[in-house]
């Protein structure tokens, strides 16, 4: 596949430019969601930290974990309380993942009508629907009840006490989880419609970037089949084996596009075009974002341990300000 890069010279530039616009809109949607989740109005800090974390996660193994660690340190450097960053970014990531799993549900009517979608892709509809229901149940339990969350915290504490560097930091974890969950729930509760819309928009614009990439090579396949191919490729991109799912996404997207009725050569070229817009070009954009962040805030992002100790009073004050309305206690 990677030796076929010369085929990019034959694509229609106008559609490629449109794909880049859709990718940019997808990133902005992610920033809007994260601003709401972490309770910050600073577009600059959110945008540059997300771009930098995204770029690092696509260069080094670890993917989401690597990106999240860098973004955490940058946002704390920008003055956002560390506890809110951790809980807010985690909540936004969970909402994005749940939305991605829910996308195949949109194709259920097409599958039931028998519109010619390949059997393998059709199975992914039911798998995606079941996964979405499971994630939704977990989210309701985590956001609506305290005892399951405290139980998870106690399990984490028991595991952390077996690792010397984590013992001190694990103290009080169950109650901290509840407090930060309450803060995130309060933030999302005031603007949950915006959060859901931003989450849907993130994936919709990214999907449209793939559609534009297909149009750039002169292919007009079924939108429903392309959506299933896109969801499959996006899930492959979350695999931690290679940075950004490199290799897995290319192979998986080409194969699923072939199942969607795209000819082999066109599938390869469209995949290369889409990955150029959504994977490779955001990497230098992340480096620029990191440089702009350094220029405004100075110095490298502070470590979690250093800033965690220095900002403890601020975190406590923020937690006191962000107390939730009475929560639902599980029986």
C-alpha atoms as a PDB file:
ATOM      1  CA  UNK A   1       0.000   0.000   0.000  1.00  0.00           C
ATOM      2  CA  UNK A   2       2.661   2.523   1.024  1.00  0.00           C
ATOM      3  CA  UNK A   3       4.532   1.914  -2.241  1.00  0.00           C
ATOM      4  CA  UNK A   4       1.413   3.112  -4.091  1.00  0.00           C
ATOM      5  CA  UNK A   5       1.840   6.734  -2.976  1.00  0.00           C
ATOM      6  CA  UNK A   6       2.399   7.851  -6.586  1.00  0.00           C
ATOM      7  CA  UNK A   7      -1.300   7.208  -7.196  1.00  0.00           C
ATOM      8  CA  UNK A   8      -1.994  10.311  -5.064  1.00  0.00           C
ATOM      9  CA  UNK A   9      -0.811  12.424  -8.008  1.00  0.00           C
ATOM     10  CA  UNK A  10      -3.955  11.411  -9.919  1.00  0.00           C
ATOM     11  CA  UNK A  11      -6.580  12.428  -7.339  1.00  0.00           C
ATOM     12  CA  UNK A  12      -8.790  15.509  -7.740  1.00  0.00           C
ATOM     13  CA  UNK A  13      -7.240  18.291  -5.677  1.00  0.00           C
ATOM     14  CA  UNK A  14     -10.566  19.998  -4.973  1.00  0.00           C
ATOM     15  CA  UNK A  15     -11.961  16.970  -3.139  1.00  0.00           C
ATOM     16  CA  UNK A  16      -8.708  16.563  -1.202  1.00  0.00           C
ATOM     17  CA  UNK A  17      -8.939  20.191  -0.070  1.00  0.00           C
ATOM     18  CA  UNK A  18     -12.503  19.548   1.076  1.00  0.00           C
ATOM     19  CA  UNK A  19     -11.324  16.472   3.000  1.00  0.00           C
ATOM     20  CA  UNK A  20      -8.795  18.686   4.810  1.00  0.00           C
ATOM     21  CA  UNK A  21     -11.575  21.126   5.728  1.00  0.00           C
ATOM     22  CA  UNK A  22     -13.639  18.255   7.158  1.00  0.00           C
ATOM     23  CA  UNK A  23     -10.657  16.994   9.185  1.00  0.00           C
ATOM     24  CA  UNK A  24     -10.106  20.487  10.608  1.00  0.00           C
ATOM     25  CA  UNK A  25     -13.791  20.710  11.542  1.00  0.00           C
ATOM     26  CA  UNK A  26     -13.497  17.321  13.251  1.00  0.00           C
ATOM     27  CA  UNK A  27     -10.637  18.620  15.417  1.00  0.00           C
ATOM     28  CA  UNK A  28     -12.555  21.775  16.336  1.00  0.00           C
ATOM     29  CA  UNK A  29     -15.527  19.623  17.408  1.00  0.00           C
ATOM     30  CA  UNK A  30     -13.225  17.684  19.736  1.00  0.00           C
ATOM     31  CA  UNK A  31     -11.972  20.952  21.247  1.00  0.00           C
ATOM     32  CA  UNK A  32     -15.547  22.114  21.853  1.00  0.00           C
ATOM     33  CA  UNK A  33     -16.331  18.893  23.691  1.00  0.00           C
ATOM     34  CA  UNK A  34     -13.171  19.023  25.806  1.00  0.00           C
ATOM     35  CA  UNK A  35     -13.730  22.680  26.735  1.00  0.00           C
ATOM     36  CA  UNK A  36     -17.097  21.729  28.159  1.00  0.00           C
ATOM     37  CA  UNK A  37     -15.817  18.600  29.910  1.00  0.00           C
ATOM     38  CA  UNK A  38     -12.851  20.234  31.675  1.00  0.00           C
ATOM     39  CA  UNK A  39     -14.755  23.431  32.451  1.00  0.00           C
ATOM     40  CA  UNK A  40     -12.357  25.746  30.596  1.00  0.00           C
ATOM     41  CA  UNK A  41     -13.131  28.537  28.140  1.00  0.00           C
ATOM     42  CA  UNK A  42      -9.569  28.690  26.807  1.00  0.00           C
ATOM     43  CA  UNK A  43      -9.782  27.615  23.168  1.00  0.00           C
ATOM     44  CA  UNK A  44      -6.048  28.183  22.722  1.00  0.00           C
ATOM     45  CA  UNK A  45      -4.925  25.881  25.540  1.00  0.00           C
ATOM     46  CA  UNK A  46      -7.445  23.172  24.649  1.00  0.00           C
ATOM     47  CA  UNK A  47      -6.686  23.299  20.926  1.00  0.00           C
ATOM     48  CA  UNK A  48      -2.889  23.398  21.112  1.00  0.00           C
ATOM     49  CA  UNK A  49      -2.705  20.716  23.817  1.00  0.00           C
ATOM     50  CA  UNK A  50      -5.022  18.391  21.896  1.00  0.00           C
ATOM     51  CA  UNK A  51      -3.071  18.895  18.671  1.00  0.00           C
ATOM     52  CA  UNK A  52       0.238  18.256  20.439  1.00  0.00           C
ATOM     53  CA  UNK A  53      -1.063  15.200  22.285  1.00  0.00           C
ATOM     54  CA  UNK A  54      -2.594  13.832  19.104  1.00  0.00           C
ATOM     55  CA  UNK A  55       0.720  14.264  17.248  1.00  0.00           C
ATOM     56  CA  UNK A  56       2.743  12.580  19.999  1.00  0.00           C
ATOM     57  CA  UNK A  57       0.279   9.703  20.166  1.00  0.00           C
ATOM     58  CA  UNK A  58       0.820   9.104  16.445  1.00  0.00           C
ATOM     59  CA  UNK A  59       4.587   9.125  16.723  1.00  0.00           C
ATOM     60  CA  UNK A  60       5.095   6.993  19.833  1.00  0.00           C
ATOM     61  CA  UNK A  61       3.441   3.680  20.787  1.00  0.00           C
ATOM     62  CA  UNK A  62       0.716   3.961  23.390  1.00  0.00           C
ATOM     63  CA  UNK A  63      -1.752   5.928  21.307  1.00  0.00           C
ATOM     64  CA  UNK A  64      -4.490   7.386  23.483  1.00  0.00           C
ATOM     65  CA  UNK A  65      -2.526   6.989  26.725  1.00  0.00           C
ATOM     66  CA  UNK A  66       0.498   8.864  25.355  1.00  0.00           C
ATOM     67  CA  UNK A  67      -1.673  11.640  23.920  1.00  0.00           C
ATOM     68  CA  UNK A  68      -3.673  11.973  27.128  1.00  0.00           C
ATOM     69  CA  UNK A  69      -0.553  12.208  29.302  1.00  0.00           C
ATOM     70  CA  UNK A  70       0.920  15.073  27.282  1.00  0.00           C
ATOM     71  CA  UNK A  71      -2.378  16.947  27.076  1.00  0.00           C
ATOM     72  CA  UNK A  72      -2.828  16.592  30.850  1.00  0.00           C
ATOM     73  CA  UNK A  73       0.556  18.137  31.554  1.00  0.00           C
ATOM     74  CA  UNK A  74       0.019  20.973  29.091  1.00  0.00           C
ATOM     75  CA  UNK A  75      -3.419  21.908  30.422  1.00  0.00           C
ATOM     76  CA  UNK A  76      -2.168  21.861  34.003  1.00  0.00           C
ATOM     77  CA  UNK A  77       0.663  24.155  32.901  1.00  0.00           C
ATOM     78  CA  UNK A  78      -2.022  26.445  31.430  1.00  0.00           C
ATOM     79  CA  UNK A  79      -3.678  26.685  34.844  1.00  0.00           C
ATOM     80  CA  UNK A  80      -6.484  24.128  34.581  1.00  0.00           C
ATOM     81  CA  UNK A  81      -6.800  22.064  37.803  1.00  0.00           C
ATOM     82  CA  UNK A  82      -5.250  18.652  37.236  1.00  0.00           C
ATOM     83  CA  UNK A  83      -8.174  16.729  38.690  1.00  0.00           C
ATOM     84  CA  UNK A  84     -10.606  18.435  36.319  1.00  0.00           C
ATOM     85  CA  UNK A  85      -8.319  17.754  33.361  1.00  0.00           C
ATOM     86  CA  UNK A  86      -8.084  14.048  34.170  1.00  0.00           C
ATOM     87  CA  UNK A  87     -11.804  13.548  34.711  1.00  0.00           C
ATOM     88  CA  UNK A  88     -12.879  15.866  31.887  1.00  0.00           C
ATOM     89  CA  UNK A  89     -10.618  14.386  29.213  1.00  0.00           C
ATOM     90  CA  UNK A  90     -11.610  10.868  30.336  1.00  0.00           C
ATOM     91  CA  UNK A  91     -15.307  11.762  30.145  1.00  0.00           C
ATOM     92  CA  UNK A  92     -14.968  13.323  26.688  1.00  0.00           C
ATOM     93  CA  UNK A  93     -13.009  10.298  25.425  1.00  0.00           C
ATOM     94  CA  UNK A  94     -15.685   7.960  26.783  1.00  0.00           C
ATOM     95  CA  UNK A  95     -18.441   9.976  25.085  1.00  0.00           C
ATOM     96  CA  UNK A  96     -16.551   9.956  21.782  1.00  0.00           C
ATOM     97  CA  UNK A  97     -16.029   6.198  22.009  1.00  0.00           C
ATOM     98  CA  UNK A  98     -19.708   5.582  22.820  1.00  0.00           C
ATOM     99  CA  UNK A  99     -20.755   7.774  19.880  1.00  0.00           C
ATOM    100  CA  UNK A 100     -18.465   5.863  17.524  1.00  0.00           C
ATOM    101  CA  UNK A 101     -19.966   2.563  18.656  1.00  0.00           C
ATOM    102  CA  UNK A 102     -23.442   3.984  18.108  1.00  0.00           C
ATOM    103  CA  UNK A 103     -22.842   5.036  14.495  1.00  0.00           C
ATOM    104  CA  UNK A 104     -23.551   1.564  13.002  1.00  0.00           C
ATOM    105  CA  UNK A 105     -27.053   1.792  14.495  1.00  0.00           C
ATOM    106  CA  UNK A 106     -27.803   4.413  11.826  1.00  0.00           C
ATOM    107  CA  UNK A 107     -27.331   1.737   9.172  1.00  0.00           C
ATOM    108  CA  UNK A 108     -29.849  -0.711  10.710  1.00  0.00           C
ATOM    109  CA  UNK A 109     -32.711   0.426   8.408  1.00  0.00           C
ATOM    110  CA  UNK A 110     -30.534  -0.143   5.326  1.00  0.00           C
ATOM    111  CA  UNK A 111     -29.575  -3.623   6.539  1.00  0.00           C
ATOM    112  CA  UNK A 112     -33.192  -4.538   7.296  1.00  0.00           C
ATOM    113  CA  UNK A 113     -34.244  -3.385   3.819  1.00  0.00           C
ATOM    114  CA  UNK A 114     -31.531  -5.555   2.267  1.00  0.00           C
ATOM    115  CA  UNK A 115     -29.880  -2.805   0.249  1.00  0.00           C
ATOM    116  CA  UNK A 116     -26.954  -4.931  -0.884  1.00  0.00           C
ATOM    117  CA  UNK A 117     -24.582  -4.363   2.042  1.00  0.00           C
ATOM    118  CA  UNK A 118     -21.992  -7.121   2.311  1.00  0.00           C
ATOM    119  CA  UNK A 119     -22.773  -9.807   4.918  1.00  0.00           C
ATOM    120  CA  UNK A 120     -19.543  -9.187   6.832  1.00  0.00           C
ATOM    121  CA  UNK A 121     -20.281  -5.469   7.100  1.00  0.00           C
ATOM    122  CA  UNK A 122     -23.891  -6.184   8.034  1.00  0.00           C
ATOM    123  CA  UNK A 123     -22.718  -8.264  11.011  1.00  0.00           C
ATOM    124  CA  UNK A 124     -20.774  -5.270  12.290  1.00  0.00           C
ATOM    125  CA  UNK A 125     -24.076  -3.396  12.615  1.00  0.00           C
ATOM    126  CA  UNK A 126     -25.376  -5.815  15.236  1.00  0.00           C
ATOM    127  CA  UNK A 127     -22.000  -6.009  16.967  1.00  0.00           C
ATOM    128  CA  UNK A 128     -21.835  -2.219  17.105  1.00  0.00           C
ATOM    129  CA  UNK A 129     -25.386  -1.982  18.434  1.00  0.00           C
ATOM    130  CA  UNK A 130     -24.662  -4.497  21.207  1.00  0.00           C
ATOM    131  CA  UNK A 131     -21.414  -2.718  22.121  1.00  0.00           C
ATOM    132  CA  UNK A 132     -23.202   0.618  22.211  1.00  0.00           C
ATOM    133  CA  UNK A 133     -25.834  -0.714  24.602  1.00  0.00           C
ATOM    134  CA  UNK A 134     -23.109  -2.145  26.867  1.00  0.00           C
ATOM    135  CA  UNK A 135     -21.184   1.151  26.958  1.00  0.00           C
ATOM    136  CA  UNK A 136     -24.411   3.077  27.575  1.00  0.00           C
ATOM    137  CA  UNK A 137     -25.261   0.864  30.566  1.00  0.00           C
ATOM    138  CA  UNK A 138     -21.766   1.338  32.037  1.00  0.00           C
ATOM    139  CA  UNK A 139     -22.026   5.100  31.554  1.00  0.00           C
ATOM    140  CA  UNK A 140     -25.424   5.277  33.265  1.00  0.00           C
ATOM    141  CA  UNK A 141     -24.167   3.254  36.216  1.00  0.00           C
ATOM    142  CA  UNK A 142     -20.980   5.337  36.537  1.00  0.00           C
ATOM    143  CA  UNK A 143     -22.753   8.685  36.267  1.00  0.00           C
ATOM    144  CA  UNK A 144     -25.881   7.820  38.255  1.00  0.00           C
ATOM    145  CA  UNK A 145     -24.675   5.754  41.201  1.00  0.00           C
ATOM    146  CA  UNK A 146     -21.870   6.068  43.709  1.00  0.00           C
ATOM    147  CA  UNK A 147     -21.335   2.572  45.068  1.00  0.00           C
ATOM    148  CA  UNK A 148     -20.168   1.008  41.756  1.00  0.00           C
ATOM    149  CA  UNK A 149     -17.746   3.916  41.294  1.00  0.00           C
ATOM    150  CA  UNK A 150     -16.393   3.532  44.825  1.00  0.00           C
ATOM    151  CA  UNK A 151     -16.010  -0.209  44.222  1.00  0.00           C
ATOM    152  CA  UNK A 152     -13.896   0.489  41.130  1.00  0.00           C
ATOM    153  CA  UNK A 153     -11.856   2.927  43.194  1.00  0.00           C
ATOM    154  CA  UNK A 154     -11.250   0.355  45.927  1.00  0.00           C
ATOM    155  CA  UNK A 155     -10.120  -2.214  43.374  1.00  0.00           C
ATOM    156  CA  UNK A 156      -7.736   0.342  41.881  1.00  0.00           C
ATOM    157  CA  UNK A 157      -6.381   1.165  45.360  1.00  0.00           C
ATOM    158  CA  UNK A 158      -5.806  -2.529  46.086  1.00  0.00           C
ATOM    159  CA  UNK A 159      -3.847  -2.897  42.854  1.00  0.00           C
ATOM    160  CA  UNK A 160      -1.920   0.357  43.344  1.00  0.00           C
ATOM    161  CA  UNK A 161      -0.736  -0.672  46.810  1.00  0.00           C
ATOM    162  CA  UNK A 162       1.174  -3.495  45.175  1.00  0.00           C
ATOM    163  CA  UNK A 163       3.186  -0.916  43.198  1.00  0.00           C
ATOM    164  CA  UNK A 164       5.377   1.216  45.521  1.00  0.00           C
ATOM    165  CA  UNK A 165       5.409   4.427  43.426  1.00  0.00           C
ATOM    166  CA  UNK A 166       1.589   4.478  43.344  1.00  0.00           C
ATOM    167  CA  UNK A 167       0.806   3.728  46.987  1.00  0.00           C
ATOM    168  CA  UNK A 168       0.693   7.309  48.265  1.00  0.00           C
ATOM    169  CA  UNK A 169      -1.251   8.594  45.268  1.00  0.00           C
ATOM    170  CA  UNK A 170      -3.944   5.919  45.677  1.00  0.00           C
ATOM    171  CA  UNK A 171      -5.105   7.137  49.089  1.00  0.00           C
ATOM    172  CA  UNK A 172      -8.677   8.432  48.981  1.00  0.00           C
ATOM    173  CA  UNK A 173      -9.152   7.431  45.368  1.00  0.00           C
ATOM    174  CA  UNK A 174     -12.777   6.165  45.706  1.00  0.00           C
ATOM    175  CA  UNK A 175     -13.998   9.495  47.079  1.00  0.00           C
ATOM    176  CA  UNK A 176     -11.929  11.462  44.584  1.00  0.00           C
ATOM    177  CA  UNK A 177     -13.580   9.520  41.756  1.00  0.00           C
ATOM    178  CA  UNK A 178     -17.017  10.438  43.078  1.00  0.00           C
ATOM    179  CA  UNK A 179     -16.113  14.138  43.504  1.00  0.00           C
ATOM    180  CA  UNK A 180     -14.628  14.452  40.026  1.00  0.00           C
ATOM    181  CA  UNK A 181     -17.501  12.494  38.497  1.00  0.00           C
ATOM    182  CA  UNK A 182     -19.861  14.993  40.134  1.00  0.00           C
ATOM    183  CA  UNK A 183     -17.892  17.927  38.692  1.00  0.00           C
ATOM    184  CA  UNK A 184     -17.914  16.453  35.178  1.00  0.00           C
ATOM    185  CA  UNK A 185     -21.596  15.573  35.458  1.00  0.00           C
ATOM    186  CA  UNK A 186     -22.359  19.138  36.499  1.00  0.00           C
ATOM    187  CA  UNK A 187     -20.456  20.529  33.506  1.00  0.00           C
ATOM    188  CA  UNK A 188     -22.017  18.119  31.016  1.00  0.00           C
ATOM    189  CA  UNK A 189     -25.397  18.440  32.701  1.00  0.00           C
ATOM    190  CA  UNK A 190     -25.512  22.146  31.919  1.00  0.00           C
ATOM    191  CA  UNK A 191     -24.580  21.620  28.296  1.00  0.00           C
ATOM    192  CA  UNK A 192     -25.145  17.957  27.528  1.00  0.00           C
ATOM    193  CA  UNK A 193     -26.813  18.790  24.224  1.00  0.00           C
ATOM    194  CA  UNK A 194     -23.706  20.666  23.113  1.00  0.00           C
ATOM    195  CA  UNK A 195     -21.503  17.779  24.291  1.00  0.00           C
ATOM    196  CA  UNK A 196     -23.491  15.191  22.343  1.00  0.00           C
ATOM    197  CA  UNK A 197     -23.647  17.423  19.256  1.00  0.00           C
ATOM    198  CA  UNK A 198     -19.874  18.016  19.379  1.00  0.00           C
ATOM    199  CA  UNK A 199     -19.225  14.291  19.781  1.00  0.00           C
ATOM    200  CA  UNK A 200     -21.425  13.419  16.801  1.00  0.00           C
ATOM    201  CA  UNK A 201     -19.917  16.254  14.745  1.00  0.00           C
ATOM    202  CA  UNK A 202     -16.377  14.985  15.402  1.00  0.00           C
ATOM    203  CA  UNK A 203     -17.113  11.612  13.809  1.00  0.00           C
ATOM    204  CA  UNK A 204     -19.428  13.020  11.136  1.00  0.00           C
ATOM    205  CA  UNK A 205     -16.802  15.419   9.794  1.00  0.00           C
ATOM    206  CA  UNK A 206     -14.155  12.692   9.890  1.00  0.00           C
ATOM    207  CA  UNK A 207     -16.492  10.356   7.995  1.00  0.00           C
ATOM    208  CA  UNK A 208     -17.144  13.092   5.420  1.00  0.00           C
ATOM    209  CA  UNK A 209     -13.367  13.385   4.976  1.00  0.00           C
ATOM    210  CA  UNK A 210     -13.355   9.717   3.935  1.00  0.00           C
ATOM    211  CA  UNK A 211     -16.284  10.309   1.571  1.00  0.00           C
ATOM    212  CA  UNK A 212     -14.420  13.256   0.011  1.00  0.00           C
ATOM    213  CA  UNK A 213     -11.347  11.036  -0.378  1.00  0.00           C
ATOM    214  CA  UNK A 214     -13.446   8.481  -2.254  1.00  0.00           C
ATOM    215  CA  UNK A 215     -14.895  11.186  -4.488  1.00  0.00           C
ATOM    216  CA  UNK A 216     -11.326  12.367  -5.148  1.00  0.00           C
ATOM    217  CA  UNK A 217     -10.616   9.046  -6.864  1.00  0.00           C
ATOM    218  CA  UNK A 218     -13.925   9.074  -8.746  1.00  0.00           C
ATOM    219  CA  UNK A 219     -15.787   6.538  -6.573  1.00  0.00           C
ATOM    220  CA  UNK A 220     -19.387   6.960  -5.381  1.00  0.00           C
ATOM    221  CA  UNK A 221     -20.201   3.931  -3.181  1.00  0.00           C
ATOM    222  CA  UNK A 222     -23.138   3.398  -0.844  1.00  0.00           C
ATOM    223  CA  UNK A 223     -22.963   5.884   2.095  1.00  0.00           C
ATOM    224  CA  UNK A 224     -24.184   3.199   4.522  1.00  0.00           C
ATOM    225  CA  UNK A 225     -21.487   0.735   3.470  1.00  0.00           C
ATOM    226  CA  UNK A 226     -18.803   3.440   3.677  1.00  0.00           C
ATOM    227  CA  UNK A 227     -19.999   4.346   7.185  1.00  0.00           C
ATOM    228  CA  UNK A 228     -19.510   0.751   8.327  1.00  0.00           C
ATOM    229  CA  UNK A 229     -16.069   0.660   6.720  1.00  0.00           C
ATOM    230  CA  UNK A 230     -15.220   3.935   8.458  1.00  0.00           C
ATOM    231  CA  UNK A 231     -16.310   2.722  11.912  1.00  0.00           C
ATOM    232  CA  UNK A 232     -14.281  -0.463  11.501  1.00  0.00           C
ATOM    233  CA  UNK A 233     -11.174   1.515  10.532  1.00  0.00           C
ATOM    234  CA  UNK A 234     -11.669   3.967  13.410  1.00  0.00           C
ATOM    235  CA  UNK A 235     -11.829   1.141  15.934  1.00  0.00           C
ATOM    236  CA  UNK A 236      -8.686  -0.376  14.433  1.00  0.00           C
ATOM    237  CA  UNK A 237      -6.996   2.990  14.927  1.00  0.00           C
ATOM    238  CA  UNK A 238      -7.471   2.597  18.685  1.00  0.00           C
ATOM    239  CA  UNK A 239      -5.370  -0.562  18.832  1.00  0.00           C
ATOM    240  CA  UNK A 240      -2.221   0.179  20.884  1.00  0.00           C
ATOM    241  CA  UNK A 241       0.101  -2.097  18.913  1.00  0.00           C
ATOM    242  CA  UNK A 242       1.318   0.661  16.573  1.00  0.00           C
ATOM    243  CA  UNK A 243       1.196   4.468  16.856  1.00  0.00           C
ATOM    244  CA  UNK A 244      -2.214   5.678  15.702  1.00  0.00           C
ATOM    245  CA  UNK A 245      -3.085   2.192  14.444  1.00  0.00           C
ATOM    246  CA  UNK A 246      -0.564   2.645  11.631  1.00  0.00           C
ATOM    247  CA  UNK A 247      -0.824  -0.316   9.266  1.00  0.00           C
ATOM    248  CA  UNK A 248      -3.953  -1.719  10.912  1.00  0.00           C
ATOM    249  CA  UNK A 249      -6.118   1.155   9.709  1.00  0.00           C
ATOM    250  CA  UNK A 250      -4.676   1.113   6.190  1.00  0.00           C
ATOM    251  CA  UNK A 251      -5.177  -2.622   5.791  1.00  0.00           C
ATOM    252  CA  UNK A 252      -8.570  -2.669   7.501  1.00  0.00           C
ATOM    253  CA  UNK A 253      -9.983   0.339   5.662  1.00  0.00           C
ATOM    254  CA  UNK A 254      -8.849  -0.954   2.276  1.00  0.00           C
ATOM    255  CA  UNK A 255     -10.420  -4.348   2.970  1.00  0.00           C
ATOM    256  CA  UNK A 256     -13.712  -2.924   4.237  1.00  0.00           C
ATOM    257  CA  UNK A 257     -13.931  -0.472   1.340  1.00  0.00           C
ATOM    258  CA  UNK A 258     -13.514  -3.457  -0.965  1.00  0.00           C
ATOM    259  CA  UNK A 259     -16.445  -5.111   0.840  1.00  0.00           C
ATOM    260  CA  UNK A 260     -18.366  -1.864   0.284  1.00  0.00           C
ATOM    261  CA  UNK A 261     -17.897  -2.297  -3.468  1.00  0.00           C
ATOM    262  CA  UNK A 262     -14.831  -0.121  -4.106  1.00  0.00           C
ATOM    263  CA  UNK A 263     -12.334  -1.535  -6.603  1.00  0.00           C
ATOM    264  CA  UNK A 264      -8.961  -2.551  -5.172  1.00  0.00           C
ATOM    265  CA  UNK A 265      -6.846   0.178  -6.727  1.00  0.00           C
ATOM    266  CA  UNK A 266      -9.356   2.902  -5.906  1.00  0.00           C
ATOM    267  CA  UNK A 267      -9.663   1.624  -2.327  1.00  0.00           C
ATOM    268  CA  UNK A 268      -5.886   1.871  -1.853  1.00  0.00           C
ATOM    269  CA  UNK A 269      -5.702   5.397  -3.271  1.00  0.00           C
ATOM    270  CA  UNK A 270      -8.724   6.603  -1.306  1.00  0.00           C
ATOM    271  CA  UNK A 271      -7.270   5.152   1.887  1.00  0.00           C
ATOM    272  CA  UNK A 272      -3.925   6.861   1.280  1.00  0.00           C
ATOM    273  CA  UNK A 273      -5.707  10.166   0.593  1.00  0.00           C
ATOM    274  CA  UNK A 274      -7.823   9.898   3.739  1.00  0.00           C
ATOM    275  CA  UNK A 275      -4.870   8.953   5.942  1.00  0.00           C
ATOM    276  CA  UNK A 276      -2.786  11.777   4.505  1.00  0.00           C
ATOM    277  CA  UNK A 277      -5.484  14.247   5.553  1.00  0.00           C
ATOM    278  CA  UNK A 278      -6.479  12.717   8.892  1.00  0.00           C
ATOM    279  CA  UNK A 279      -3.248  11.066  10.142  1.00  0.00           C
ATOM    280  CA  UNK A 280      -0.088  12.518   8.610  1.00  0.00           C
ATOM    281  CA  UNK A 281      -0.837  16.236   8.184  1.00  0.00           C
ATOM    282  CA  UNK A 282      -2.101  16.712  11.786  1.00  0.00           C
ATOM    283  CA  UNK A 283       1.345  15.613  13.042  1.00  0.00           C
ATOM    284  CA  UNK A 284       3.193  18.778  11.898  1.00  0.00           C
ATOM    285  CA  UNK A 285       0.127  20.761  13.003  1.00  0.00           C
ATOM    286  CA  UNK A 286       0.642  19.288  16.470  1.00  0.00           C
ATOM    287  CA  UNK A 287       4.286  20.345  16.476  1.00  0.00           C
ATOM    288  CA  UNK A 288       3.217  23.895  15.567  1.00  0.00           C
ATOM    289  CA  UNK A 289       0.596  23.804  18.321  1.00  0.00           C
ATOM    290  CA  UNK A 290       3.184  22.696  20.865  1.00  0.00           C
ATOM    291  CA  UNK A 291       5.518  25.503  19.804  1.00  0.00           C
ATOM    292  CA  UNK A 292       2.748  28.099  20.139  1.00  0.00           C
ATOM    293  CA  UNK A 293       1.854  26.719  23.563  1.00  0.00           C
ATOM    294  CA  UNK A 294       5.487  26.957  24.712  1.00  0.00           C
ATOM    295  CA  UNK A 295       5.666  30.498  23.422  1.00  0.00           C
ATOM    296  CA  UNK A 296       2.629  31.593  25.447  1.00  0.00           C
ATOM    297  CA  UNK A 297       3.109  29.616  28.658  1.00  0.00           C
ATOM    298  CA  UNK A 298       6.879  29.107  28.629  1.00  0.00           C
ATOM    299  CA  UNK A 299       8.906  26.053  29.618  1.00  0.00           C
ATOM    300  CA  UNK A 300       8.123  22.404  29.037  1.00  0.00           C
ATOM    301  CA  UNK A 301       4.836  20.980  30.339  1.00  0.00           C
ATOM    302  CA  UNK A 302       5.201  20.379  34.071  1.00  0.00           C
ATOM    303  CA  UNK A 303       5.151  16.834  35.333  1.00  0.00           C
ATOM    304  CA  UNK A 304       2.013  15.501  36.952  1.00  0.00           C
ATOM    305  CA  UNK A 305       3.754  14.953  40.298  1.00  0.00           C
ATOM    306  CA  UNK A 306       5.303  18.437  40.445  1.00  0.00           C
ATOM    307  CA  UNK A 307       2.162  20.320  39.521  1.00  0.00           C
ATOM    308  CA  UNK A 308      -0.041  17.951  41.437  1.00  0.00           C
ATOM    309  CA  UNK A 309       1.652  18.971  44.686  1.00  0.00           C
ATOM    310  CA  UNK A 310       1.886  22.656  43.791  1.00  0.00           C
ATOM    311  CA  UNK A 311      -1.738  22.998  42.756  1.00  0.00           C
ATOM    312  CA  UNK A 312      -3.330  20.943  45.530  1.00  0.00           C
ATOM    313  CA  UNK A 313      -4.969  23.978  47.206  1.00  0.00           C
ATOM    314  CA  UNK A 314      -6.296  25.115  43.850  1.00  0.00           C
ATOM    315  CA  UNK A 315      -7.724  21.683  43.126  1.00  0.00           C
ATOM    316  CA  UNK A 316      -9.398  21.588  46.539  1.00  0.00           C
ATOM    317  CA  UNK A 317     -10.864  25.052  46.001  1.00  0.00           C
ATOM    318  CA  UNK A 318     -12.091  24.089  42.546  1.00  0.00           C
ATOM    319  CA  UNK A 319     -13.662  20.916  43.930  1.00  0.00           C
ATOM    320  CA  UNK A 320     -15.463  22.925  46.605  1.00  0.00           C
ATOM    321  CA  UNK A 321     -16.813  25.325  43.970  1.00  0.00           C
ATOM    322  CA  UNK A 322     -17.932  22.521  41.707  1.00  0.00           C
ATOM    323  CA  UNK A 323     -20.018  20.569  44.193  1.00  0.00           C
ATOM    324  CA  UNK A 324     -22.901  18.868  42.451  1.00  0.00           C
ATOM    325  CA  UNK A 325     -26.569  18.819  43.314  1.00  0.00           C
ATOM    326  CA  UNK A 326     -27.425  15.760  45.426  1.00  0.00           C
ATOM    327  CA  UNK A 327     -26.491  12.603  43.575  1.00  0.00           C
ATOM    328  CA  UNK A 328     -28.417   9.342  43.332  1.00  0.00           C
ATOM    329  CA  UNK A 329     -27.311   6.818  45.889  1.00  0.00           C
ATOM    330  CA  UNK A 330     -27.419   3.220  44.756  1.00  0.00           C
ATOM    331  CA  UNK A 331     -29.349   0.798  46.956  1.00  0.00           C
END
